[in-house]
Amino acid sequence: MFSIYILTHNEEVDIGACLESAALCDDIVVVDSCSGDRTPAIVQDYASRLPLRFVQHPFASHGQQRTWMLREIPAKYDWIYILEADERMTPALFRECAQATQRPDHVGYYVAERVMFMGTWIRRSTQYPRYQLRLLRVGRVWFDDYGHTEREVCDGSTGFLKETYPHYTYSKGLSRWIEKHNRYSTDEAQETLRQLSQGSVQWGDLLWGKTEVDRRRALKNLSLRLPFRPLLRFLYMYFLLGSVWDGRAGFTWCVLQSFYEYLIVLKVWELRSGKGFPLKAGQD
């Protein structure tokens, strides 16, 4: 068996359905980054019906928040599944995770996401199967910051599960998506500059990487060095990966991802030129 840890911040739209999907587990921990909406109240209501613990901790970064919860909040079991509020645990995935925890082969397992957008599974342009490390052994996996998100640090080998999880990336609407990705683009611009100054393209991983994770990371590193990145990203996703067959949802997804890429490019230019635009007094 394993525990489920859920990270939240202003997730009143998603947290109820997320907790419902996690109800198969008898040790659920919600780590909230001091939400200002109804998230705490909704979680407390579910706590009367589910084996659930609620903890609040100020957010510093994705990597630091994950590492803090793994170090400071004791789990009931030796394994933890990390679930985001806009993701869902499925019965089939739960069963496979339970089986994986009985094997001593690995310290962590990657699970592929199914990106759900505008009521459609965007399978092609999201590079499915695109894996995230979700199931991990306590004390053997930590997280470092990488751009706006995090990257895992594993003390041992990792494996891949066959079952997938749905990720409702657009559940809070367009305004929330734009606001969130505007923030993300600042961190991504800083990481881009770091990669350009310190990193290099891993051609071996790009062409012959052992796993999807290795190949995807090498492709991202290469993309940072290409001209016309936003346009190339759209053409790559829409035509080469085949999102043209995903209808209106696929087209919209590719346009938004290209817009996000353009925000990163603009903020890299700001950082390099020193022409950033400081906030006026009273803005946050």
C-alpha atoms as a PDB file:
ATOM      1  CA  MET A   1       0.000   0.000   0.000  1.00  0.00           C
ATOM      2  CA  PHE A   2       1.012   3.646  -0.305  1.00  0.00           C
ATOM      3  CA  SER A   3       0.068   7.130   0.904  1.00  0.00           C
ATOM      4  CA  ILE A   4      -1.231   9.895  -1.375  1.00  0.00           C
ATOM      5  CA  TYR A   5       0.096  13.448  -0.968  1.00  0.00           C
ATOM      6  CA  ILE A   6      -1.781  16.274  -2.704  1.00  0.00           C
ATOM      7  CA  LEU A   7      -0.320  19.751  -3.252  1.00  0.00           C
ATOM      8  CA  THR A   8      -2.809  22.645  -3.374  1.00  0.00           C
ATOM      9  CA  HIS A   9      -3.017  26.403  -3.798  1.00  0.00           C
ATOM     10  CA  ASN A  10      -6.399  28.020  -4.528  1.00  0.00           C
ATOM     11  CA  GLU A  11      -7.813  24.755  -5.864  1.00  0.00           C
ATOM     12  CA  GLU A  12     -11.480  25.101  -4.864  1.00  0.00           C
ATOM     13  CA  VAL A  13     -12.566  24.135  -8.398  1.00  0.00           C
ATOM     14  CA  ASP A  14     -10.615  20.865  -8.524  1.00  0.00           C
ATOM     15  CA  ILE A  15      -9.901  19.645  -5.003  1.00  0.00           C
ATOM     16  CA  GLY A  16     -13.258  17.929  -4.412  1.00  0.00           C
ATOM     17  CA  ALA A  17     -13.033  15.678  -7.471  1.00  0.00           C
ATOM     18  CA  CYS A  18      -9.360  15.039  -6.743  1.00  0.00           C
ATOM     19  CA  LEU A  19     -10.110  13.861  -3.198  1.00  0.00           C
ATOM     20  CA  GLU A  20     -12.965  11.705  -4.458  1.00  0.00           C
ATOM     21  CA  SER A  21     -10.551   9.964  -6.813  1.00  0.00           C
ATOM     22  CA  ALA A  22      -8.048   9.440  -3.973  1.00  0.00           C
ATOM     23  CA  ALA A  23     -10.647   7.899  -1.655  1.00  0.00           C
ATOM     24  CA  LEU A  24      -9.314   4.392  -2.372  1.00  0.00           C
ATOM     25  CA  CYS A  25      -6.332   5.253  -0.165  1.00  0.00           C
ATOM     26  CA  ASP A  26      -6.425   5.156   3.642  1.00  0.00           C
ATOM     27  CA  ASP A  27      -3.717   7.805   4.127  1.00  0.00           C
ATOM     28  CA  ILE A  28      -4.307  11.073   2.255  1.00  0.00           C
ATOM     29  CA  VAL A  29      -2.272  14.184   3.051  1.00  0.00           C
ATOM     30  CA  VAL A  30      -3.179  17.606   1.615  1.00  0.00           C
ATOM     31  CA  VAL A  31      -0.285  20.101   1.708  1.00  0.00           C
ATOM     32  CA  ASP A  32      -1.745  23.539   1.087  1.00  0.00           C
ATOM     33  CA  SER A  33       0.295  26.617   0.182  1.00  0.00           C
ATOM     34  CA  CYS A  34      -1.853  28.967   2.307  1.00  0.00           C
ATOM     35  CA  SER A  35      -4.763  29.205  -0.144  1.00  0.00           C
ATOM     36  CA  GLY A  36      -6.909  32.320  -0.104  1.00  0.00           C
ATOM     37  CA  ASP A  37     -10.031  30.676  -1.518  1.00  0.00           C
ATOM     38  CA  ARG A  38     -12.316  27.915  -0.207  1.00  0.00           C
ATOM     39  CA  THR A  39      -9.749  25.128  -0.599  1.00  0.00           C
ATOM     40  CA  PRO A  40      -9.078  24.712   3.172  1.00  0.00           C
ATOM     41  CA  ALA A  41     -12.804  24.643   3.987  1.00  0.00           C
ATOM     42  CA  ILE A  42     -13.519  22.041   1.300  1.00  0.00           C
ATOM     43  CA  VAL A  43     -10.648  19.844   2.477  1.00  0.00           C
ATOM     44  CA  GLN A  44     -11.774  20.107   6.114  1.00  0.00           C
ATOM     45  CA  ASP A  45     -15.246  19.017   5.058  1.00  0.00           C
ATOM     46  CA  TYR A  46     -13.828  15.942   3.324  1.00  0.00           C
ATOM     47  CA  ALA A  47     -11.693  15.213   6.396  1.00  0.00           C
ATOM     48  CA  SER A  48     -14.864  14.206   8.239  1.00  0.00           C
ATOM     49  CA  ARG A  49     -15.423  11.457   5.665  1.00  0.00           C
ATOM     50  CA  LEU A  50     -11.944  10.430   4.483  1.00  0.00           C
ATOM     51  CA  PRO A  51      -8.711   9.376   6.256  1.00  0.00           C
ATOM     52  CA  LEU A  52      -7.221  12.775   5.529  1.00  0.00           C
ATOM     53  CA  ARG A  53      -4.638  15.077   7.096  1.00  0.00           C
ATOM     54  CA  PHE A  54      -4.461  18.781   6.250  1.00  0.00           C
ATOM     55  CA  VAL A  55      -1.217  20.759   6.544  1.00  0.00           C
ATOM     56  CA  GLN A  56      -0.421  24.316   5.473  1.00  0.00           C
ATOM     57  CA  HIS A  57       3.076  25.476   4.562  1.00  0.00           C
ATOM     58  CA  PRO A  58       4.145  28.717   2.793  1.00  0.00           C
ATOM     59  CA  PHE A  59       5.182  28.160  -0.815  1.00  0.00           C
ATOM     60  CA  ALA A  60       8.761  28.979  -1.869  1.00  0.00           C
ATOM     61  CA  SER A  61       9.107  26.892  -5.032  1.00  0.00           C
ATOM     62  CA  HIS A  62       7.773  23.645  -6.469  1.00  0.00           C
ATOM     63  CA  GLY A  63      10.932  21.702  -5.706  1.00  0.00           C
ATOM     64  CA  GLN A  64      11.268  23.052  -2.165  1.00  0.00           C
ATOM     65  CA  GLN A  65       7.598  22.451  -1.376  1.00  0.00           C
ATOM     66  CA  ARG A  66       7.776  18.826  -2.459  1.00  0.00           C
ATOM     67  CA  THR A  67      11.004  18.170  -0.611  1.00  0.00           C
ATOM     68  CA  TRP A  68       9.656  19.826   2.543  1.00  0.00           C
ATOM     69  CA  MET A  69       6.528  17.676   2.607  1.00  0.00           C
ATOM     70  CA  LEU A  70       8.519  14.482   2.019  1.00  0.00           C
ATOM     71  CA  ARG A  71      10.913  15.308   4.865  1.00  0.00           C
ATOM     72  CA  GLU A  72       8.540  16.833   7.395  1.00  0.00           C
ATOM     73  CA  ILE A  73       5.225  14.983   7.045  1.00  0.00           C
ATOM     74  CA  PRO A  74       5.475  11.322   8.062  1.00  0.00           C
ATOM     75  CA  ALA A  75       3.680   8.905   5.766  1.00  0.00           C
ATOM     76  CA  LYS A  76       1.785   5.862   6.962  1.00  0.00           C
ATOM     77  CA  TYR A  77       3.518   3.709   4.350  1.00  0.00           C
ATOM     78  CA  ASP A  78       6.974   3.374   2.782  1.00  0.00           C
ATOM     79  CA  TRP A  79       5.665   4.649  -0.549  1.00  0.00           C
ATOM     80  CA  ILE A  80       4.030   7.941  -1.544  1.00  0.00           C
ATOM     81  CA  TYR A  81       2.084   8.898  -4.663  1.00  0.00           C
ATOM     82  CA  ILE A  82       2.191  12.635  -5.437  1.00  0.00           C
ATOM     83  CA  LEU A  83      -1.121  13.833  -6.868  1.00  0.00           C
ATOM     84  CA  GLU A  84      -1.824  17.361  -8.109  1.00  0.00           C
ATOM     85  CA  ALA A  85      -5.264  18.891  -7.504  1.00  0.00           C
ATOM     86  CA  ASP A  86      -6.092  19.005 -11.225  1.00  0.00           C
ATOM     87  CA  GLU A  87      -5.102  15.357 -11.666  1.00  0.00           C
ATOM     88  CA  ARG A  88      -7.080  12.226 -10.817  1.00  0.00           C
ATOM     89  CA  MET A  89      -6.190   8.839  -9.409  1.00  0.00           C
ATOM     90  CA  THR A  90      -7.930   6.029 -11.287  1.00  0.00           C
ATOM     91  CA  PRO A  91      -8.823   2.593  -9.860  1.00  0.00           C
ATOM     92  CA  ALA A  92      -6.596   0.858 -12.428  1.00  0.00           C
ATOM     93  CA  LEU A  93      -3.637   3.120 -11.618  1.00  0.00           C
ATOM     94  CA  PHE A  94      -4.219   2.619  -7.892  1.00  0.00           C
ATOM     95  CA  ARG A  95      -4.047  -1.156  -8.309  1.00  0.00           C
ATOM     96  CA  GLU A  96      -0.853  -0.979 -10.363  1.00  0.00           C
ATOM     97  CA  CYS A  97       0.777   1.379  -7.843  1.00  0.00           C
ATOM     98  CA  ALA A  98      -0.118  -1.015  -5.019  1.00  0.00           C
ATOM     99  CA  GLN A  99       1.469  -3.886  -6.939  1.00  0.00           C
ATOM    100  CA  ALA A 100       4.612  -1.847  -7.698  1.00  0.00           C
ATOM    101  CA  THR A 101       5.184  -1.109  -4.000  1.00  0.00           C
ATOM    102  CA  GLN A 102       5.526  -4.835  -3.376  1.00  0.00           C
ATOM    103  CA  ARG A 103       8.563  -5.032  -5.651  1.00  0.00           C
ATOM    104  CA  PRO A 104      12.035  -3.918  -4.471  1.00  0.00           C
ATOM    105  CA  ASP A 105      13.237  -3.195  -8.031  1.00  0.00           C
ATOM    106  CA  HIS A 106      13.085   0.614  -8.011  1.00  0.00           C
ATOM    107  CA  VAL A 107      12.896   3.662  -5.731  1.00  0.00           C
ATOM    108  CA  GLY A 108      10.445   5.520  -7.972  1.00  0.00           C
ATOM    109  CA  TYR A 109       8.050   5.040 -10.867  1.00  0.00           C
ATOM    110  CA  TYR A 110       7.087   7.336 -13.732  1.00  0.00           C
ATOM    111  CA  VAL A 111       3.450   7.581 -14.814  1.00  0.00           C
ATOM    112  CA  ALA A 112       2.184   9.016 -18.115  1.00  0.00           C
ATOM    113  CA  GLU A 113      -0.334  11.860 -18.064  1.00  0.00           C
ATOM    114  CA  ARG A 114      -3.343  12.272 -20.337  1.00  0.00           C
ATOM    115  CA  VAL A 115      -3.784  16.002 -20.875  1.00  0.00           C
ATOM    116  CA  MET A 116      -7.493  16.862 -20.878  1.00  0.00           C
ATOM    117  CA  PHE A 117      -8.239  20.217 -22.534  1.00  0.00           C
ATOM    118  CA  MET A 118     -11.595  21.684 -23.572  1.00  0.00           C
ATOM    119  CA  GLY A 119     -13.182  18.289 -22.911  1.00  0.00           C
ATOM    120  CA  THR A 120     -10.732  16.503 -25.213  1.00  0.00           C
ATOM    121  CA  TRP A 121      -7.729  14.270 -24.617  1.00  0.00           C
ATOM    122  CA  ILE A 122      -4.882  16.066 -26.396  1.00  0.00           C
ATOM    123  CA  ARG A 123      -2.898  12.956 -27.180  1.00  0.00           C
ATOM    124  CA  ARG A 124      -0.717  13.955 -30.111  1.00  0.00           C
ATOM    125  CA  SER A 125       0.822  17.366 -29.412  1.00  0.00           C
ATOM    126  CA  THR A 126       1.450  16.575 -25.732  1.00  0.00           C
ATOM    127  CA  GLN A 127       3.984  13.933 -26.792  1.00  0.00           C
ATOM    128  CA  TYR A 128       2.002  11.151 -25.169  1.00  0.00           C
ATOM    129  CA  PRO A 129       3.178   9.123 -23.370  1.00  0.00           C
ATOM    130  CA  ARG A 130       4.799  11.966 -21.411  1.00  0.00           C
ATOM    131  CA  TYR A 131       5.968  10.717 -18.036  1.00  0.00           C
ATOM    132  CA  GLN A 132       6.162  12.335 -14.604  1.00  0.00           C
ATOM    133  CA  LEU A 133       7.638  10.712 -11.503  1.00  0.00           C
ATOM    134  CA  ARG A 134       4.654  10.175  -9.237  1.00  0.00           C
ATOM    135  CA  LEU A 135       5.209   7.053  -7.109  1.00  0.00           C
ATOM    136  CA  LEU A 136       8.285   7.141  -4.870  1.00  0.00           C
ATOM    137  CA  ARG A 137       9.878   5.370  -1.958  1.00  0.00           C
ATOM    138  CA  VAL A 138      10.136   7.436   1.226  1.00  0.00           C
ATOM    139  CA  GLY A 139      13.657   8.715   1.850  1.00  0.00           C
ATOM    140  CA  ARG A 140      14.982   7.789  -1.601  1.00  0.00           C
ATOM    141  CA  VAL A 141      13.612  10.560  -3.833  1.00  0.00           C
ATOM    142  CA  TRP A 142      13.828  14.357  -3.489  1.00  0.00           C
ATOM    143  CA  PHE A 143      13.218  17.320  -5.768  1.00  0.00           C
ATOM    144  CA  ASP A 144      15.258  20.258  -7.074  1.00  0.00           C
ATOM    145  CA  ASP A 145      13.906  23.369  -8.789  1.00  0.00           C
ATOM    146  CA  TYR A 146      13.976  23.512 -12.572  1.00  0.00           C
ATOM    147  CA  GLY A 147      12.421  26.547 -14.238  1.00  0.00           C
ATOM    148  CA  HIS A 148       8.885  26.998 -12.923  1.00  0.00           C
ATOM    149  CA  THR A 149       8.657  23.350 -11.924  1.00  0.00           C
ATOM    150  CA  GLU A 150      10.909  20.674 -10.406  1.00  0.00           C
ATOM    151  CA  ARG A 151      13.106  17.722 -11.256  1.00  0.00           C
ATOM    152  CA  GLU A 152      13.461  14.592  -9.224  1.00  0.00           C
ATOM    153  CA  VAL A 153      16.699  13.392  -7.614  1.00  0.00           C
ATOM    154  CA  CYS A 154      16.588   9.624  -7.139  1.00  0.00           C
ATOM    155  CA  ASP A 155      18.830   7.511  -4.927  1.00  0.00           C
ATOM    156  CA  GLY A 156      18.399   4.363  -6.983  1.00  0.00           C
ATOM    157  CA  SER A 157      16.841   3.130 -10.216  1.00  0.00           C
ATOM    158  CA  THR A 158      13.411   4.071 -11.544  1.00  0.00           C
ATOM    159  CA  GLY A 159      10.739   2.302 -13.569  1.00  0.00           C
ATOM    160  CA  PHE A 160       7.611   3.032 -15.589  1.00  0.00           C
ATOM    161  CA  LEU A 161       3.994   2.111 -14.929  1.00  0.00           C
ATOM    162  CA  LYS A 162       1.574   1.175 -17.714  1.00  0.00           C
ATOM    163  CA  GLU A 163      -1.541   2.900 -16.387  1.00  0.00           C
ATOM    164  CA  THR A 164      -2.045   6.652 -16.891  1.00  0.00           C
ATOM    165  CA  TYR A 165      -3.708   9.529 -15.067  1.00  0.00           C
ATOM    166  CA  PRO A 166      -5.929  12.342 -16.442  1.00  0.00           C
ATOM    167  CA  HIS A 167      -4.633  15.908 -16.036  1.00  0.00           C
ATOM    168  CA  TYR A 168      -7.325  18.597 -16.343  1.00  0.00           C
ATOM    169  CA  THR A 169      -4.992  21.427 -17.232  1.00  0.00           C
ATOM    170  CA  TYR A 170      -7.727  23.889 -18.298  1.00  0.00           C
ATOM    171  CA  SER A 171     -10.292  23.308 -15.548  1.00  0.00           C
ATOM    172  CA  LYS A 172     -10.070  26.839 -14.099  1.00  0.00           C
ATOM    173  CA  GLY A 173     -10.572  28.663 -17.402  1.00  0.00           C
ATOM    174  CA  LEU A 174      -8.533  30.782 -19.780  1.00  0.00           C
ATOM    175  CA  SER A 175      -7.861  33.729 -17.439  1.00  0.00           C
ATOM    176  CA  ARG A 176      -6.353  31.471 -14.773  1.00  0.00           C
ATOM    177  CA  TRP A 177      -4.296  29.623 -17.399  1.00  0.00           C
ATOM    178  CA  ILE A 178      -2.833  32.875 -18.753  1.00  0.00           C
ATOM    179  CA  GLU A 179      -2.134  34.269 -15.274  1.00  0.00           C
ATOM    180  CA  LYS A 180      -0.393  31.071 -14.223  1.00  0.00           C
ATOM    181  CA  HIS A 181       1.719  30.749 -17.338  1.00  0.00           C
ATOM    182  CA  ASN A 182       2.710  34.394 -17.179  1.00  0.00           C
ATOM    183  CA  ARG A 183       4.252  33.602 -13.784  1.00  0.00           C
ATOM    184  CA  TYR A 184       5.774  30.372 -15.035  1.00  0.00           C
ATOM    185  CA  SER A 185       7.423  32.129 -17.977  1.00  0.00           C
ATOM    186  CA  THR A 186       9.544  34.269 -15.641  1.00  0.00           C
ATOM    187  CA  ASP A 187      11.056  31.190 -13.994  1.00  0.00           C
ATOM    188  CA  GLU A 188      11.481  29.495 -17.366  1.00  0.00           C
ATOM    189  CA  ALA A 189      13.344  32.531 -18.735  1.00  0.00           C
ATOM    190  CA  GLN A 190      15.785  32.416 -15.834  1.00  0.00           C
ATOM    191  CA  GLU A 191      16.297  28.671 -16.318  1.00  0.00           C
ATOM    192  CA  THR A 192      16.793  29.230 -20.066  1.00  0.00           C
ATOM    193  CA  LEU A 193      19.631  31.659 -19.408  1.00  0.00           C
ATOM    194  CA  ARG A 194      21.213  29.212 -16.978  1.00  0.00           C
ATOM    195  CA  GLN A 195      21.011  26.362 -19.485  1.00  0.00           C
ATOM    196  CA  LEU A 196      22.464  28.503 -22.295  1.00  0.00           C
ATOM    197  CA  SER A 197      25.411  29.562 -20.163  1.00  0.00           C
ATOM    198  CA  GLN A 198      26.141  26.237 -18.454  1.00  0.00           C
ATOM    199  CA  GLY A 199      24.509  23.412 -20.368  1.00  0.00           C
ATOM    200  CA  SER A 200      24.933  21.837 -23.768  1.00  0.00           C
ATOM    201  CA  VAL A 201      22.834  19.739 -26.121  1.00  0.00           C
ATOM    202  CA  GLN A 202      22.937  16.058 -25.230  1.00  0.00           C
ATOM    203  CA  TRP A 203      22.885  14.704 -28.757  1.00  0.00           C
ATOM    204  CA  GLY A 204      23.235  11.116 -27.595  1.00  0.00           C
ATOM    205  CA  ASP A 205      20.137  11.357 -25.400  1.00  0.00           C
ATOM    206  CA  LEU A 206      18.270  13.203 -28.134  1.00  0.00           C
ATOM    207  CA  LEU A 207      18.820  10.431 -30.668  1.00  0.00           C
ATOM    208  CA  TRP A 208      19.285   7.322 -28.539  1.00  0.00           C
ATOM    209  CA  GLY A 209      18.044   8.188 -25.048  1.00  0.00           C
ATOM    210  CA  LYS A 210      17.116   5.118 -23.034  1.00  0.00           C
ATOM    211  CA  THR A 211      13.778   6.533 -21.866  1.00  0.00           C
ATOM    212  CA  GLU A 212      11.156   9.050 -22.950  1.00  0.00           C
ATOM    213  CA  VAL A 213      12.277  11.288 -20.076  1.00  0.00           C
ATOM    214  CA  ASP A 214      15.889  11.397 -21.355  1.00  0.00           C
ATOM    215  CA  ARG A 215      14.803  12.140 -24.936  1.00  0.00           C
ATOM    216  CA  ARG A 216      12.291  14.819 -23.920  1.00  0.00           C
ATOM    217  CA  ARG A 217      14.798  16.666 -21.743  1.00  0.00           C
ATOM    218  CA  ALA A 218      17.401  16.616 -24.505  1.00  0.00           C
ATOM    219  CA  LEU A 219      14.835  17.950 -27.001  1.00  0.00           C
ATOM    220  CA  LYS A 220      13.916  20.784 -24.632  1.00  0.00           C
ATOM    221  CA  ASN A 221      17.601  21.666 -24.253  1.00  0.00           C
ATOM    222  CA  LEU A 222      17.996  21.802 -28.020  1.00  0.00           C
ATOM    223  CA  SER A 223      14.847  23.921 -28.459  1.00  0.00           C
ATOM    224  CA  LEU A 224      16.286  26.644 -26.214  1.00  0.00           C
ATOM    225  CA  ARG A 225      18.963  27.281 -28.846  1.00  0.00           C
ATOM    226  CA  LEU A 226      16.714  27.477 -31.909  1.00  0.00           C
ATOM    227  CA  PRO A 227      15.614  30.727 -33.595  1.00  0.00           C
ATOM    228  CA  PHE A 228      11.879  31.457 -34.002  1.00  0.00           C
ATOM    229  CA  ARG A 229      11.098  29.102 -31.136  1.00  0.00           C
ATOM    230  CA  PRO A 230       7.395  30.019 -30.728  1.00  0.00           C
ATOM    231  CA  LEU A 231       6.669  29.481 -34.433  1.00  0.00           C
ATOM    232  CA  LEU A 232       8.712  26.287 -34.577  1.00  0.00           C
ATOM    233  CA  ARG A 233       6.906  24.959 -31.533  1.00  0.00           C
ATOM    234  CA  PHE A 234       3.533  25.535 -33.147  1.00  0.00           C
ATOM    235  CA  LEU A 235       4.559  23.889 -36.429  1.00  0.00           C
ATOM    236  CA  TYR A 236       6.157  20.961 -34.584  1.00  0.00           C
ATOM    237  CA  MET A 237       3.129  20.334 -32.360  1.00  0.00           C
ATOM    238  CA  TYR A 238       0.359  21.033 -34.849  1.00  0.00           C
ATOM    239  CA  PHE A 239       1.720  19.399 -38.001  1.00  0.00           C
ATOM    240  CA  LEU A 240       4.598  17.081 -37.105  1.00  0.00           C
ATOM    241  CA  LEU A 241       3.056  15.638 -33.942  1.00  0.00           C
ATOM    242  CA  GLY A 242      -0.373  15.660 -35.581  1.00  0.00           C
ATOM    243  CA  SER A 243      -2.489  17.894 -33.363  1.00  0.00           C
ATOM    244  CA  VAL A 244      -4.210  19.008 -36.564  1.00  0.00           C
ATOM    245  CA  TRP A 245      -6.299  15.861 -36.047  1.00  0.00           C
ATOM    246  CA  ASP A 246      -7.337  16.957 -32.526  1.00  0.00           C
ATOM    247  CA  GLY A 247      -9.797  19.503 -33.905  1.00  0.00           C
ATOM    248  CA  ARG A 248     -10.483  22.888 -32.338  1.00  0.00           C
ATOM    249  CA  ALA A 249      -9.086  21.816 -28.973  1.00  0.00           C
ATOM    250  CA  GLY A 250      -5.823  20.726 -30.588  1.00  0.00           C
ATOM    251  CA  PHE A 251      -5.431  24.000 -32.493  1.00  0.00           C
ATOM    252  CA  THR A 252      -6.179  26.076 -29.391  1.00  0.00           C
ATOM    253  CA  TRP A 253      -3.744  24.036 -27.311  1.00  0.00           C
ATOM    254  CA  CYS A 254      -0.930  24.572 -29.815  1.00  0.00           C
ATOM    255  CA  VAL A 255      -1.620  28.322 -30.049  1.00  0.00           C
ATOM    256  CA  LEU A 256      -1.538  28.683 -26.246  1.00  0.00           C
ATOM    257  CA  GLN A 257       1.686  26.685 -25.957  1.00  0.00           C
ATOM    258  CA  SER A 258       3.305  28.853 -28.645  1.00  0.00           C
ATOM    259  CA  PHE A 259       2.112  31.981 -26.820  1.00  0.00           C
ATOM    260  CA  TYR A 260       3.696  30.631 -23.635  1.00  0.00           C
ATOM    261  CA  GLU A 261       6.946  30.024 -25.516  1.00  0.00           C
ATOM    262  CA  TYR A 262       6.866  33.605 -26.804  1.00  0.00           C
ATOM    263  CA  LEU A 263       6.454  34.941 -23.255  1.00  0.00           C
ATOM    264  CA  ILE A 264       9.604  33.040 -22.279  1.00  0.00           C
ATOM    265  CA  VAL A 265      11.514  34.455 -25.271  1.00  0.00           C
ATOM    266  CA  LEU A 266      10.445  38.003 -24.403  1.00  0.00           C
ATOM    267  CA  LYS A 267      11.451  37.630 -20.769  1.00  0.00           C
ATOM    268  CA  VAL A 268      14.844  36.201 -21.747  1.00  0.00           C
ATOM    269  CA  TRP A 269      15.326  39.350 -23.841  1.00  0.00           C
ATOM    270  CA  GLU A 270      14.331  41.496 -20.855  1.00  0.00           C
ATOM    271  CA  LEU A 271      16.801  39.773 -18.559  1.00  0.00           C
ATOM    272  CA  ARG A 272      19.630  39.987 -21.084  1.00  0.00           C
ATOM    273  CA  SER A 273      19.041  43.633 -21.936  1.00  0.00           C
ATOM    274  CA  GLY A 274      18.237  44.794 -18.441  1.00  0.00           C
ATOM    275  CA  LYS A 275      15.023  46.308 -19.762  1.00  0.00           C
ATOM    276  CA  GLY A 276      12.597  44.629 -17.411  1.00  0.00           C
ATOM    277  CA  PHE A 277       9.568  46.604 -16.334  1.00  0.00           C
ATOM    278  CA  PRO A 278       9.461  47.054 -12.540  1.00  0.00           C
ATOM    279  CA  LEU A 279       6.104  46.933 -10.797  1.00  0.00           C
ATOM    280  CA  LYS A 280       4.550  50.179  -9.662  1.00  0.00           C
ATOM    281  CA  ALA A 281       3.954  50.764  -5.960  1.00  0.00           C
ATOM    282  CA  GLY A 282       1.045  48.700  -4.727  1.00  0.00           C
ATOM    283  CA  GLN A 283       1.264  46.046  -7.467  1.00  0.00           C
ATOM    284  CA  ASP A 284       2.002  42.420  -6.704  1.00  0.00           C
END
